């Protein structure tokens, strides 16, 4: 009995302080049932990434939450909007013999906001959210496969996971 007292006390203290397991919180208002994910604005020449991000966020919301996604923001309880504000790709490794790039990194910067439609209250906002993805470049022209497209797809999926987690955890 005396051995269980410290364990019970620890559990009681953790519960009292608002502790919860990451990924299991839903700190949005309970009145939210529907979300409209709007197309992202784009200040860069990377149209594909700006198109992929809202689609990946929608898939992430569907798979991880109970919110229903709707197309019309006028019918939604909350509206998620955002923009791709910067995109940079640069070489990170250079082959000393050929002076060709062997690895590159892409950096995408987004702004994202979730707003309660009825009240206009901002439920979540993040400006200058930066995401990075590295990829390799083959030196053999016969075996060359452009990885930049798949790197962009990985960035989009990373954005979606991170944004949805941040919204759900109010982080």
N, C-alpha and C. Protein backbone atom coordinates (compact mmCIF):
# COMPACT_ATOMS: atom_id res chain seq x y z
N UNK A 1 0.82 -1.19 0.00
CA UNK A 1 0.00 0.00 0.00
C UNK A 1 0.87 1.25 0.00
N UNK A 2 1.92 1.27 0.86
CA UNK A 2 2.81 2.42 0.93
C UNK A 2 3.59 2.62 -0.36
N UNK A 3 3.83 1.55 -1.09
CA UNK A 3 4.55 1.66 -2.36
C UNK A 3 3.69 2.31 -3.44
N UNK A 4 2.40 2.13 -3.38
CA UNK A 4 1.50 2.69 -4.39
C UNK A 4 1.18 4.15 -4.15
N UNK A 5 1.37 4.63 -2.95
CA UNK A 5 1.04 6.03 -2.63
C UNK A 5 1.81 7.02 -3.48
N UNK A 6 3.16 6.87 -3.68
CA UNK A 6 3.87 7.84 -4.54
C UNK A 6 3.39 7.80 -5.99
N UNK A 7 3.07 6.60 -6.48
CA UNK A 7 2.57 6.48 -7.85
C UNK A 7 1.23 7.18 -7.99
N UNK A 8 0.33 6.97 -7.04
CA UNK A 8 -0.98 7.61 -7.08
C UNK A 8 -0.84 9.12 -6.97
N UNK A 9 0.08 9.57 -6.14
CA UNK A 9 0.31 11.01 -6.00
C UNK A 9 0.83 11.60 -7.31
N UNK A 10 1.77 10.92 -7.97
CA UNK A 10 2.31 11.41 -9.24
C UNK A 10 1.24 11.48 -10.31
N UNK A 11 0.39 10.47 -10.38
CA UNK A 11 -0.69 10.47 -11.37
C UNK A 11 -1.66 11.60 -11.08
N UNK A 12 -1.98 11.80 -9.83
CA UNK A 12 -2.88 12.89 -9.45
C UNK A 12 -2.31 14.25 -9.79
N UNK A 13 -1.03 14.46 -9.55
CA UNK A 13 -0.39 15.74 -9.87
C UNK A 13 -0.34 15.97 -11.37
N UNK A 14 -0.01 14.93 -12.13
CA UNK A 14 0.04 15.09 -13.59
C UNK A 14 -1.33 15.41 -14.16
N UNK A 15 -2.35 14.78 -13.65
CA UNK A 15 -3.71 15.06 -14.13
C UNK A 15 -4.15 16.46 -13.74
N UNK A 16 -3.75 16.90 -12.58
CA UNK A 16 -4.17 18.21 -12.08
C UNK A 16 -3.49 19.35 -12.83
N UNK A 17 -2.30 19.12 -13.37
CA UNK A 17 -1.57 20.22 -14.02
C UNK A 17 -1.96 20.38 -15.48
N UNK A 18 -2.88 19.57 -15.98
CA UNK A 18 -3.31 19.71 -17.37
C UNK A 18 -2.45 18.90 -18.33
N UNK A 19 -1.59 18.04 -17.81
CA UNK A 19 -0.74 17.21 -18.64
C UNK A 19 -1.59 16.33 -19.53
N UNK A 20 -1.17 16.21 -20.79
CA UNK A 20 -1.82 15.26 -21.68
C UNK A 20 -0.79 14.74 -22.66
N UNK A 21 -1.05 13.59 -23.21
CA UNK A 21 -0.13 12.96 -24.14
C UNK A 21 -0.18 13.71 -25.46
N UNK A 22 0.98 13.98 -26.03
CA UNK A 22 1.07 14.69 -27.31
C UNK A 22 0.31 13.93 -28.38
N UNK A 23 -0.39 14.67 -29.23
CA UNK A 23 -1.14 14.08 -30.32
C UNK A 23 -2.55 13.68 -29.95
N UNK A 24 -2.93 13.84 -28.69
CA UNK A 24 -4.25 13.44 -28.26
C UNK A 24 -5.10 14.63 -27.80
N UNK A 25 -4.56 15.81 -27.91
CA UNK A 25 -5.31 16.99 -27.49
C UNK A 25 -6.13 17.54 -28.63
N UNK A 26 -7.20 18.16 -28.32
CA UNK A 26 -7.99 18.88 -29.30
C UNK A 26 -8.43 20.13 -28.59
N UNK A 27 -7.64 21.17 -28.75
CA UNK A 27 -7.86 22.38 -27.99
C UNK A 27 -8.71 23.40 -28.75
N UNK A 28 -9.31 23.00 -29.86
CA UNK A 28 -10.19 23.88 -30.60
C UNK A 28 -11.57 23.88 -29.94
N UNK A 29 -12.35 24.94 -30.19
CA UNK A 29 -13.69 24.99 -29.60
C UNK A 29 -14.53 23.76 -29.99
N UNK A 30 -15.30 23.29 -29.05
CA UNK A 30 -16.13 22.10 -29.29
C UNK A 30 -17.25 22.36 -30.29
N UNK A 31 -17.53 23.62 -30.58
CA UNK A 31 -18.59 23.96 -31.53
C UNK A 31 -18.15 23.75 -32.98
N UNK A 32 -16.86 23.58 -33.21
CA UNK A 32 -16.37 23.38 -34.58
C UNK A 32 -16.67 21.97 -35.05
N UNK A 33 -17.37 21.88 -36.15
CA UNK A 33 -17.67 20.58 -36.75
C UNK A 33 -17.17 20.49 -38.18
N UNK A 34 -17.11 21.65 -38.86
CA UNK A 34 -16.70 21.66 -40.27
C UNK A 34 -15.57 22.65 -40.49
N UNK A 35 -14.69 22.30 -41.43
CA UNK A 35 -13.54 23.15 -41.76
C UNK A 35 -13.46 23.25 -43.28
N UNK A 36 -13.19 24.45 -43.76
CA UNK A 36 -12.93 24.67 -45.19
C UNK A 36 -11.46 25.02 -45.33
N UNK A 37 -10.74 24.25 -46.14
CA UNK A 37 -9.34 24.52 -46.41
C UNK A 37 -9.27 25.24 -47.76
N UNK A 38 -8.84 26.48 -47.72
CA UNK A 38 -8.80 27.32 -48.91
C UNK A 38 -7.51 27.09 -49.72
N UNK A 39 -7.55 27.35 -51.03
CA UNK A 39 -6.31 27.30 -51.81
C UNK A 39 -5.31 28.30 -51.24
N UNK A 40 -4.04 27.93 -51.26
CA UNK A 40 -3.01 28.80 -50.72
C UNK A 40 -2.60 29.85 -51.74
N UNK A 41 -2.32 31.04 -51.25
CA UNK A 41 -1.73 32.07 -52.08
C UNK A 41 -0.29 31.67 -52.38
N UNK A 42 0.30 32.31 -53.35
CA UNK A 42 1.65 31.93 -53.74
C UNK A 42 2.44 33.15 -54.22
N UNK A 43 3.53 33.44 -53.53
CA UNK A 43 4.41 34.54 -53.92
C UNK A 43 5.69 34.00 -54.57
N UNK A 44 5.67 32.73 -54.98
CA UNK A 44 6.85 32.09 -55.54
C UNK A 44 6.53 31.51 -56.91
N UNK A 45 7.56 31.08 -57.64
CA UNK A 45 7.29 30.41 -58.92
C UNK A 45 6.93 28.93 -58.76
N UNK A 46 6.88 28.42 -57.54
CA UNK A 46 6.60 27.00 -57.30
C UNK A 46 5.10 26.77 -57.16
N UNK A 47 4.40 26.75 -58.27
CA UNK A 47 2.95 26.57 -58.25
C UNK A 47 2.56 25.20 -57.70
N UNK A 48 3.37 24.17 -57.96
CA UNK A 48 3.02 22.81 -57.53
C UNK A 48 2.95 22.72 -56.00
N UNK A 49 3.90 23.30 -55.31
CA UNK A 49 3.92 23.23 -53.85
C UNK A 49 2.71 23.96 -53.26
N UNK A 50 2.40 25.13 -53.79
CA UNK A 50 1.25 25.90 -53.30
C UNK A 50 -0.06 25.15 -53.55
N UNK A 51 -0.10 24.32 -54.57
CA UNK A 51 -1.29 23.52 -54.88
C UNK A 51 -1.36 22.27 -53.99
N UNK A 52 -0.20 21.67 -53.69
CA UNK A 52 -0.16 20.44 -52.90
C UNK A 52 -0.48 20.66 -51.42
N UNK A 53 -0.02 21.76 -50.85
CA UNK A 53 -0.15 21.98 -49.41
C UNK A 53 -1.60 21.90 -48.93
N UNK A 54 -2.55 22.64 -49.52
CA UNK A 54 -3.93 22.54 -49.02
C UNK A 54 -4.52 21.13 -49.17
N UNK A 55 -4.17 20.44 -50.25
CA UNK A 55 -4.67 19.08 -50.45
C UNK A 55 -4.10 18.14 -49.37
N UNK A 56 -2.82 18.28 -49.05
CA UNK A 56 -2.22 17.44 -48.02
C UNK A 56 -2.74 17.79 -46.63
N UNK A 57 -2.98 19.07 -46.36
CA UNK A 57 -3.58 19.45 -45.08
C UNK A 57 -4.98 18.87 -44.96
N UNK A 58 -5.74 18.90 -46.04
CA UNK A 58 -7.09 18.32 -46.04
C UNK A 58 -7.03 16.83 -45.72
N UNK A 59 -6.13 16.11 -46.38
CA UNK A 59 -5.99 14.67 -46.11
C UNK A 59 -5.59 14.42 -44.66
N UNK A 60 -4.70 15.25 -44.13
CA UNK A 60 -4.25 15.08 -42.75
C UNK A 60 -5.41 15.35 -41.78
N UNK A 61 -6.21 16.37 -42.05
CA UNK A 61 -7.37 16.66 -41.20
C UNK A 61 -8.37 15.50 -41.23
N UNK A 62 -8.60 14.95 -42.40
CA UNK A 62 -9.54 13.83 -42.53
C UNK A 62 -9.04 12.61 -41.77
N UNK A 63 -7.75 12.34 -41.88
CA UNK A 63 -7.23 11.12 -41.25
C UNK A 63 -7.03 11.25 -39.74
N UNK A 64 -6.85 12.47 -39.23
CA UNK A 64 -6.51 12.64 -37.81
C UNK A 64 -7.59 13.28 -36.96
N UNK A 65 -8.64 13.80 -37.57
CA UNK A 65 -9.66 14.49 -36.79
C UNK A 65 -11.05 14.00 -37.17
N UNK A 66 -12.04 14.50 -36.45
CA UNK A 66 -13.43 14.17 -36.75
C UNK A 66 -14.12 15.30 -37.50
N UNK A 67 -13.36 16.33 -37.87
CA UNK A 67 -13.96 17.46 -38.58
C UNK A 67 -14.35 17.05 -39.99
N UNK A 68 -15.48 17.57 -40.42
CA UNK A 68 -15.91 17.35 -41.79
C UNK A 68 -15.36 18.49 -42.64
N UNK A 69 -14.77 18.16 -43.77
CA UNK A 69 -14.26 19.19 -44.66
C UNK A 69 -15.33 19.59 -45.66
N UNK A 70 -15.47 20.89 -45.85
CA UNK A 70 -16.44 21.42 -46.81
C UNK A 70 -15.71 22.36 -47.76
N UNK A 71 -16.22 22.46 -48.98
CA UNK A 71 -15.60 23.32 -49.98
C UNK A 71 -15.93 24.79 -49.79
N UNK A 72 -17.17 25.06 -49.41
CA UNK A 72 -17.65 26.43 -49.31
C UNK A 72 -17.33 27.01 -47.92
N UNK A 73 -16.48 28.05 -47.85
CA UNK A 73 -16.15 28.63 -46.55
C UNK A 73 -17.37 29.23 -45.84
N UNK A 74 -18.39 29.61 -46.58
CA UNK A 74 -19.60 30.16 -45.96
C UNK A 74 -20.38 29.09 -45.20
N UNK A 75 -20.12 27.82 -45.49
CA UNK A 75 -20.80 26.72 -44.82
C UNK A 75 -19.95 26.08 -43.72
N UNK A 76 -18.74 26.60 -43.52
CA UNK A 76 -17.80 26.01 -42.57
C UNK A 76 -17.84 26.74 -41.23
N UNK A 77 -17.53 26.00 -40.18
CA UNK A 77 -17.39 26.60 -38.86
C UNK A 77 -16.04 27.31 -38.73
N UNK A 78 -15.02 26.78 -39.43
CA UNK A 78 -13.68 27.38 -39.40
C UNK A 78 -13.10 27.33 -40.81
N UNK A 79 -12.27 28.33 -41.11
CA UNK A 79 -11.65 28.42 -42.43
C UNK A 79 -10.14 28.46 -42.25
N UNK A 80 -9.45 27.54 -42.93
CA UNK A 80 -8.00 27.51 -42.91
C UNK A 80 -7.50 28.13 -44.21
N UNK A 81 -6.68 29.16 -44.08
CA UNK A 81 -6.12 29.82 -45.26
C UNK A 81 -4.62 29.97 -45.06
N UNK A 82 -3.92 30.18 -46.14
CA UNK A 82 -2.49 30.33 -46.02
C UNK A 82 -1.86 30.76 -47.32
N UNK A 83 -0.55 30.91 -47.28
CA UNK A 83 0.18 31.28 -48.48
C UNK A 83 1.61 30.77 -48.40
N UNK A 84 2.13 30.45 -49.56
CA UNK A 84 3.54 30.09 -49.71
C UNK A 84 4.26 31.41 -49.99
N UNK A 85 5.07 31.86 -49.04
CA UNK A 85 5.66 33.19 -49.16
C UNK A 85 7.11 33.17 -49.65
N UNK A 86 7.78 32.01 -49.55
CA UNK A 86 9.15 31.92 -50.05
C UNK A 86 9.49 30.48 -50.35
N UNK A 87 10.30 30.30 -51.36
CA UNK A 87 10.81 28.98 -51.72
C UNK A 87 12.22 29.16 -52.25
N UNK A 88 13.15 28.39 -51.67
CA UNK A 88 14.55 28.45 -52.08
C UNK A 88 15.06 27.03 -52.24
N UNK A 89 15.83 26.80 -53.28
CA UNK A 89 16.53 25.52 -53.46
C UNK A 89 17.98 25.84 -53.75
N UNK A 90 18.88 25.14 -53.06
CA UNK A 90 20.29 25.40 -53.28
C UNK A 90 21.11 24.14 -53.06
N UNK A 91 22.29 24.11 -53.66
CA UNK A 91 23.21 22.98 -53.53
C UNK A 91 23.80 22.96 -52.14
N UNK A 92 23.93 21.77 -51.57
CA UNK A 92 24.56 21.63 -50.26
C UNK A 92 25.87 20.86 -50.33
N UNK A 93 26.02 20.01 -51.34
CA UNK A 93 27.26 19.27 -51.54
C UNK A 93 27.66 19.37 -53.00
N UNK A 94 28.96 19.56 -53.23
CA UNK A 94 29.50 19.66 -54.59
C UNK A 94 30.56 18.57 -54.74
N UNK A 95 30.51 17.84 -55.87
CA UNK A 95 31.53 16.84 -56.16
C UNK A 95 32.82 17.56 -56.56
N UNK A 96 33.91 17.25 -55.87
CA UNK A 96 35.19 17.94 -56.11
C UNK A 96 35.74 17.67 -57.50
N UNK A 97 35.49 16.50 -58.07
CA UNK A 97 36.03 16.16 -59.39
C UNK A 97 35.28 16.84 -60.52
N UNK A 98 33.96 16.86 -60.43
CA UNK A 98 33.16 17.38 -61.53
C UNK A 98 32.60 18.78 -61.28
N UNK A 99 32.68 19.24 -60.05
CA UNK A 99 32.11 20.53 -59.65
C UNK A 99 30.59 20.58 -59.83
N UNK A 100 29.97 19.41 -59.84
CA UNK A 100 28.51 19.35 -59.95
C UNK A 100 27.91 19.12 -58.57
N UNK A 101 26.72 19.60 -58.39
CA UNK A 101 26.01 19.41 -57.12
C UNK A 101 25.64 17.94 -56.97
N UNK A 102 25.80 17.42 -55.76
CA UNK A 102 25.40 16.04 -55.46
C UNK A 102 24.27 15.98 -54.44
N UNK A 103 24.01 17.09 -53.81
CA UNK A 103 22.90 17.17 -52.86
C UNK A 103 22.36 18.59 -52.86
N UNK A 104 21.09 18.70 -52.58
CA UNK A 104 20.45 20.01 -52.54
C UNK A 104 19.46 20.05 -51.39
N UNK A 105 19.09 21.25 -51.04
CA UNK A 105 18.09 21.45 -49.99
C UNK A 105 17.07 22.45 -50.48
N UNK A 106 15.81 22.17 -50.16
CA UNK A 106 14.75 23.13 -50.47
C UNK A 106 14.21 23.66 -49.14
N UNK A 107 13.87 24.92 -49.14
CA UNK A 107 13.29 25.57 -47.98
C UNK A 107 12.01 26.26 -48.44
N UNK A 108 10.93 25.94 -47.76
CA UNK A 108 9.64 26.58 -48.05
C UNK A 108 9.20 27.32 -46.80
N UNK A 109 8.67 28.52 -47.00
CA UNK A 109 8.17 29.33 -45.89
C UNK A 109 6.70 29.63 -46.17
N UNK A 110 5.86 29.33 -45.17
CA UNK A 110 4.43 29.55 -45.33
C UNK A 110 3.87 30.40 -44.19
N UNK A 111 2.75 30.98 -44.45
CA UNK A 111 1.90 31.61 -43.44
C UNK A 111 0.60 30.82 -43.44
N UNK A 112 0.04 30.57 -42.26
CA UNK A 112 -1.20 29.82 -42.17
C UNK A 112 -2.06 30.37 -41.03
N UNK A 113 -3.37 30.40 -41.26
CA UNK A 113 -4.31 30.91 -40.26
C UNK A 113 -5.58 30.07 -40.28
N UNK A 114 -6.06 29.74 -39.09
CA UNK A 114 -7.36 29.08 -38.94
C UNK A 114 -8.26 30.07 -38.21
N UNK A 115 -9.38 30.42 -38.84
CA UNK A 115 -10.28 31.43 -38.31
C UNK A 115 -11.66 30.84 -38.10
N UNK A 116 -12.26 31.15 -36.97
CA UNK A 116 -13.65 30.77 -36.73
C UNK A 116 -14.51 31.70 -37.58
N UNK A 117 -15.27 31.13 -38.48
CA UNK A 117 -16.02 31.94 -39.46
C UNK A 117 -17.07 32.83 -38.81
N UNK A 118 -17.83 32.32 -37.88
CA UNK A 118 -18.95 33.08 -37.31
C UNK A 118 -18.48 34.31 -36.54
N UNK A 119 -17.39 34.19 -35.81
CA UNK A 119 -16.93 35.29 -34.96
C UNK A 119 -15.74 36.06 -35.53
N UNK A 120 -15.04 35.44 -36.49
CA UNK A 120 -13.83 36.06 -37.02
C UNK A 120 -12.63 35.88 -36.11
N UNK A 121 -12.81 35.13 -35.03
CA UNK A 121 -11.73 34.90 -34.08
C UNK A 121 -10.66 34.01 -34.71
N UNK A 122 -9.40 34.43 -34.58
CA UNK A 122 -8.28 33.64 -35.08
C UNK A 122 -7.98 32.55 -34.05
N UNK A 123 -8.15 31.30 -34.47
CA UNK A 123 -7.93 30.16 -33.58
C UNK A 123 -6.48 29.71 -33.59
N UNK A 124 -5.83 29.91 -34.72
CA UNK A 124 -4.43 29.52 -34.87
C UNK A 124 -3.82 30.36 -35.99
N UNK A 125 -2.62 30.84 -35.78
CA UNK A 125 -1.90 31.54 -36.84
C UNK A 125 -0.42 31.31 -36.66
N UNK A 126 0.25 31.22 -37.77
CA UNK A 126 1.70 31.06 -37.76
C UNK A 126 2.24 31.73 -39.01
N UNK A 127 3.13 32.68 -38.81
CA UNK A 127 3.78 33.37 -39.93
C UNK A 127 5.23 32.94 -40.00
N UNK A 128 5.74 32.85 -41.20
CA UNK A 128 7.15 32.49 -41.37
C UNK A 128 7.47 31.07 -40.97
N UNK A 129 6.50 30.17 -41.10
CA UNK A 129 6.68 28.75 -40.78
C UNK A 129 7.64 28.15 -41.82
N UNK A 130 8.79 27.69 -41.39
CA UNK A 130 9.84 27.23 -42.32
C UNK A 130 9.94 25.71 -42.32
N UNK A 131 10.03 25.15 -43.53
CA UNK A 131 10.15 23.71 -43.71
C UNK A 131 11.31 23.43 -44.66
N UNK A 132 12.09 22.40 -44.35
CA UNK A 132 13.27 22.05 -45.14
C UNK A 132 13.21 20.59 -45.56
N UNK A 133 13.79 20.33 -46.72
CA UNK A 133 13.88 18.97 -47.23
C UNK A 133 15.15 18.84 -48.07
N UNK A 134 15.94 17.82 -47.79
CA UNK A 134 17.16 17.56 -48.57
C UNK A 134 16.90 16.47 -49.59
N UNK A 135 17.63 16.54 -50.68
CA UNK A 135 17.58 15.46 -51.67
C UNK A 135 18.92 15.34 -52.36
N UNK A 136 19.18 14.15 -52.93
CA UNK A 136 20.44 13.89 -53.60
C UNK A 136 20.29 14.03 -55.10
N UNK A 137 21.42 14.33 -55.74
CA UNK A 137 21.46 14.49 -57.18
C UNK A 137 22.49 13.52 -57.72
N UNK A 138 22.10 12.68 -58.67
CA UNK A 138 23.01 11.69 -59.23
C UNK A 138 24.05 12.36 -60.11
N UNK A 139 25.28 11.86 -60.03
CA UNK A 139 26.35 12.37 -60.89
C UNK A 139 26.34 11.69 -62.25
N UNK A 140 25.76 10.51 -62.33
CA UNK A 140 25.72 9.75 -63.57
C UNK A 140 24.55 10.23 -64.42
N UNK A 141 24.82 10.87 -65.56
CA UNK A 141 23.72 11.38 -66.39
C UNK A 141 22.77 10.28 -66.86
N UNK A 142 23.28 9.05 -67.04
CA UNK A 142 22.42 7.95 -67.48
C UNK A 142 21.47 7.51 -66.37
N UNK A 143 21.89 7.65 -65.14
CA UNK A 143 21.07 7.23 -64.00
C UNK A 143 20.39 8.41 -63.32
N UNK A 144 20.48 9.58 -63.92
CA UNK A 144 19.95 10.79 -63.30
C UNK A 144 18.44 10.72 -63.19
N UNK A 145 17.96 11.02 -62.00
CA UNK A 145 16.53 11.13 -61.75
C UNK A 145 16.33 12.39 -60.94
N UNK A 146 15.51 13.28 -61.43
CA UNK A 146 15.29 14.56 -60.75
C UNK A 146 14.46 14.34 -59.49
N UNK A 147 15.10 14.52 -58.34
CA UNK A 147 14.45 14.33 -57.04
C UNK A 147 13.75 15.58 -56.54
N UNK A 148 13.86 16.70 -57.23
CA UNK A 148 13.29 17.93 -56.71
C UNK A 148 11.76 17.83 -56.57
N UNK A 149 11.11 17.14 -57.49
CA UNK A 149 9.65 16.98 -57.41
C UNK A 149 9.23 16.18 -56.19
N UNK A 150 9.95 15.11 -55.91
CA UNK A 150 9.61 14.31 -54.73
C UNK A 150 9.97 15.06 -53.45
N UNK A 151 11.01 15.88 -53.50
CA UNK A 151 11.35 16.71 -52.33
C UNK A 151 10.22 17.69 -52.05
N UNK A 152 9.65 18.27 -53.09
CA UNK A 152 8.52 19.19 -52.92
C UNK A 152 7.32 18.46 -52.32
N UNK A 153 7.07 17.24 -52.78
CA UNK A 153 5.97 16.45 -52.23
C UNK A 153 6.22 16.13 -50.75
N UNK A 154 7.47 15.82 -50.40
CA UNK A 154 7.79 15.54 -49.00
C UNK A 154 7.63 16.79 -48.14
N UNK A 155 8.02 17.95 -48.67
CA UNK A 155 7.83 19.21 -47.93
C UNK A 155 6.35 19.43 -47.67
N UNK A 156 5.52 19.21 -48.68
CA UNK A 156 4.08 19.43 -48.54
C UNK A 156 3.49 18.52 -47.46
N UNK A 157 3.88 17.26 -47.45
CA UNK A 157 3.37 16.33 -46.44
C UNK A 157 3.88 16.70 -45.05
N UNK A 158 5.12 17.18 -44.96
CA UNK A 158 5.67 17.64 -43.69
C UNK A 158 4.91 18.87 -43.19
N UNK A 159 4.61 19.79 -44.10
CA UNK A 159 3.82 20.97 -43.75
C UNK A 159 2.47 20.53 -43.18
N UNK A 160 1.80 19.62 -43.88
CA UNK A 160 0.47 19.17 -43.45
C UNK A 160 0.50 18.54 -42.06
N UNK A 161 1.44 17.63 -41.84
CA UNK A 161 1.54 16.98 -40.52
C UNK A 161 1.80 18.01 -39.43
N UNK A 162 2.75 18.90 -39.68
CA UNK A 162 3.15 19.87 -38.67
C UNK A 162 2.03 20.87 -38.39
N UNK A 163 1.39 21.38 -39.42
CA UNK A 163 0.32 22.36 -39.24
C UNK A 163 -0.85 21.75 -38.48
N UNK A 164 -1.28 20.55 -38.86
CA UNK A 164 -2.42 19.93 -38.18
C UNK A 164 -2.06 19.63 -36.73
N UNK A 165 -0.86 19.14 -36.48
CA UNK A 165 -0.44 18.88 -35.10
C UNK A 165 -0.43 20.17 -34.29
N UNK A 166 0.12 21.23 -34.86
CA UNK A 166 0.19 22.50 -34.15
C UNK A 166 -1.20 23.05 -33.85
N UNK A 167 -2.12 22.91 -34.79
CA UNK A 167 -3.49 23.38 -34.57
C UNK A 167 -4.16 22.58 -33.46
N UNK A 168 -4.04 21.28 -33.52
CA UNK A 168 -4.70 20.42 -32.53
C UNK A 168 -4.14 20.59 -31.14
N UNK A 169 -2.85 20.87 -31.06
CA UNK A 169 -2.21 21.01 -29.75
C UNK A 169 -2.10 22.46 -29.31
N UNK A 170 -2.59 23.40 -30.15
CA UNK A 170 -2.47 24.84 -29.86
C UNK A 170 -1.03 25.19 -29.51
N UNK A 171 -0.11 24.65 -30.31
CA UNK A 171 1.31 24.81 -30.05
C UNK A 171 1.87 25.97 -30.83
